[in-house]
Amino acid sequence: MPLWGEGGLIFNDGDELAREWGVSAALVADIVAWGIAWQTSSGQPDHDAEGARLVRRLDHEVDHRFRIVFKS
């Protein structure tokens, strides 16, 4: 689960993200897939662009309750 806060990893898995923040199953699946792809695609322009899109979707789904930024 590629979501980190000041204290480290925020969630252990996608189920926890859905349960704690109420994120849709579709977005959770996309975030998890992006995290898995990070191992081979980190720093690639398309992968980074998708990460930025996921951040915007996440920000929207949690109704801007948190400060969410993408860092490559």
C-alpha atoms as a PDB file:
ATOM      1  CA  MET A   1       0.000   0.000   0.000  1.00  0.00           C
ATOM      2  CA  PRO A   2       1.924   3.054  -1.248  1.00  0.00           C
ATOM      3  CA  LEU A   3       0.461   5.669   1.119  1.00  0.00           C
ATOM      4  CA  TRP A   4       2.818   7.241   3.614  1.00  0.00           C
ATOM      5  CA  GLY A   5       2.498   9.930   6.242  1.00  0.00           C
ATOM      6  CA  GLU A   6       4.973  11.717   8.464  1.00  0.00           C
ATOM      7  CA  GLY A   7       5.077   8.691  10.755  1.00  0.00           C
ATOM      8  CA  GLY A   8       5.543   6.131   7.985  1.00  0.00           C
ATOM      9  CA  LEU A   9       3.196   3.740   6.242  1.00  0.00           C
ATOM     10  CA  ILE A  10      -0.456   4.743   6.719  1.00  0.00           C
ATOM     11  CA  PHE A  11      -2.251   1.507   5.763  1.00  0.00           C
ATOM     12  CA  ASN A  12      -1.119  -2.093   5.646  1.00  0.00           C
ATOM     13  CA  ASP A  13      -3.421  -3.056   2.778  1.00  0.00           C
ATOM     14  CA  GLY A  14      -6.222  -1.911   0.520  1.00  0.00           C
ATOM     15  CA  ASP A  15      -8.954  -3.298   2.757  1.00  0.00           C
ATOM     16  CA  GLU A  16      -7.782  -1.030   5.557  1.00  0.00           C
ATOM     17  CA  LEU A  17      -7.810   1.988   3.216  1.00  0.00           C
ATOM     18  CA  ALA A  18     -11.390   1.211   2.174  1.00  0.00           C
ATOM     19  CA  ARG A  19     -12.520   0.629   5.746  1.00  0.00           C
ATOM     20  CA  GLU A  20     -10.792   3.587   7.420  1.00  0.00           C
ATOM     21  CA  TRP A  21     -11.205   6.277   4.745  1.00  0.00           C
ATOM     22  CA  GLY A  22     -14.238   4.937   2.859  1.00  0.00           C
ATOM     23  CA  VAL A  23     -12.391   4.747  -0.468  1.00  0.00           C
ATOM     24  CA  SER A  24     -14.115   2.885  -3.290  1.00  0.00           C
ATOM     25  CA  ALA A  25     -13.054  -0.626  -4.212  1.00  0.00           C
ATOM     26  CA  ALA A  26     -12.149   0.557  -7.726  1.00  0.00           C
ATOM     27  CA  LEU A  27      -9.780   3.230  -6.459  1.00  0.00           C
ATOM     28  CA  VAL A  28      -8.265   0.885  -3.878  1.00  0.00           C
ATOM     29  CA  ALA A  29      -7.556  -1.645  -6.650  1.00  0.00           C
ATOM     30  CA  ASP A  30      -5.942   1.052  -8.806  1.00  0.00           C
ATOM     31  CA  ILE A  31      -3.760   2.283  -5.922  1.00  0.00           C
ATOM     32  CA  VAL A  32      -2.661  -1.248  -5.051  1.00  0.00           C
ATOM     33  CA  ALA A  33      -1.860  -1.996  -8.718  1.00  0.00           C
ATOM     34  CA  TRP A  34       0.117   1.259  -8.972  1.00  0.00           C
ATOM     35  CA  GLY A  35       2.090   0.297  -5.866  1.00  0.00           C
ATOM     36  CA  ILE A  36       2.928  -3.115  -7.296  1.00  0.00           C
ATOM     37  CA  ALA A  37       4.015  -1.552 -10.594  1.00  0.00           C
ATOM     38  CA  TRP A  38       6.218   0.916  -8.695  1.00  0.00           C
ATOM     39  CA  GLN A  39       8.816  -1.813  -8.215  1.00  0.00           C
ATOM     40  CA  THR A  40       9.505  -1.910 -11.957  1.00  0.00           C
ATOM     41  CA  SER A  41       8.230   1.475 -13.170  1.00  0.00           C
ATOM     42  CA  SER A  42       9.257   3.986 -10.524  1.00  0.00           C
ATOM     43  CA  GLY A  43      10.385   7.258 -12.054  1.00  0.00           C
ATOM     44  CA  GLN A  44       8.896   6.518 -15.471  1.00  0.00           C
ATOM     45  CA  PRO A  45       6.845   9.481 -16.763  1.00  0.00           C
ATOM     46  CA  ASP A  46       3.685   7.435 -17.403  1.00  0.00           C
ATOM     47  CA  HIS A  47       3.864   5.806 -13.978  1.00  0.00           C
ATOM     48  CA  ASP A  48       4.405   9.141 -12.252  1.00  0.00           C
ATOM     49  CA  ALA A  49       1.515  10.685 -14.199  1.00  0.00           C
ATOM     50  CA  GLU A  50      -0.753   7.843 -13.109  1.00  0.00           C
ATOM     51  CA  GLY A  51       0.367   8.366  -9.500  1.00  0.00           C
ATOM     52  CA  ALA A  52      -0.584  12.029  -9.722  1.00  0.00           C
ATOM     53  CA  ARG A  53      -4.006  11.076 -11.160  1.00  0.00           C
ATOM     54  CA  LEU A  54      -4.557   8.606  -8.330  1.00  0.00           C
ATOM     55  CA  VAL A  55      -3.763  11.310  -5.783  1.00  0.00           C
ATOM     56  CA  ARG A  56      -6.394  13.589  -7.335  1.00  0.00           C
ATOM     57  CA  ARG A  57      -8.956  10.769  -7.286  1.00  0.00           C
ATOM     58  CA  LEU A  58      -8.118   9.926  -3.682  1.00  0.00           C
ATOM     59  CA  ASP A  59      -8.312  13.565  -2.641  1.00  0.00           C
ATOM     60  CA  HIS A  60     -11.746  13.812  -4.256  1.00  0.00           C
ATOM     61  CA  GLU A  61     -13.048  10.574  -2.704  1.00  0.00           C
ATOM     62  CA  VAL A  62     -11.999  11.574   0.813  1.00  0.00           C
ATOM     63  CA  ASP A  63     -13.607  14.988   0.220  1.00  0.00           C
ATOM     64  CA  HIS A  64     -10.321  16.871   0.744  1.00  0.00           C
ATOM     65  CA  ARG A  65     -10.159  15.877   4.451  1.00  0.00           C
ATOM     66  CA  PHE A  66      -6.399  15.310   4.255  1.00  0.00           C
ATOM     67  CA  ARG A  67      -3.418  16.942   2.577  1.00  0.00           C
ATOM     68  CA  ILE A  68      -2.429  14.390  -0.067  1.00  0.00           C
ATOM     69  CA  VAL A  69       0.569  14.933  -2.331  1.00  0.00           C
ATOM     70  CA  PHE A  70       2.383  12.783  -4.860  1.00  0.00           C
ATOM     71  CA  LYS A  71       6.125  12.355  -4.469  1.00  0.00           C
ATOM     72  CA  SER A  72       8.047  10.331  -7.005  1.00  0.00           C
END
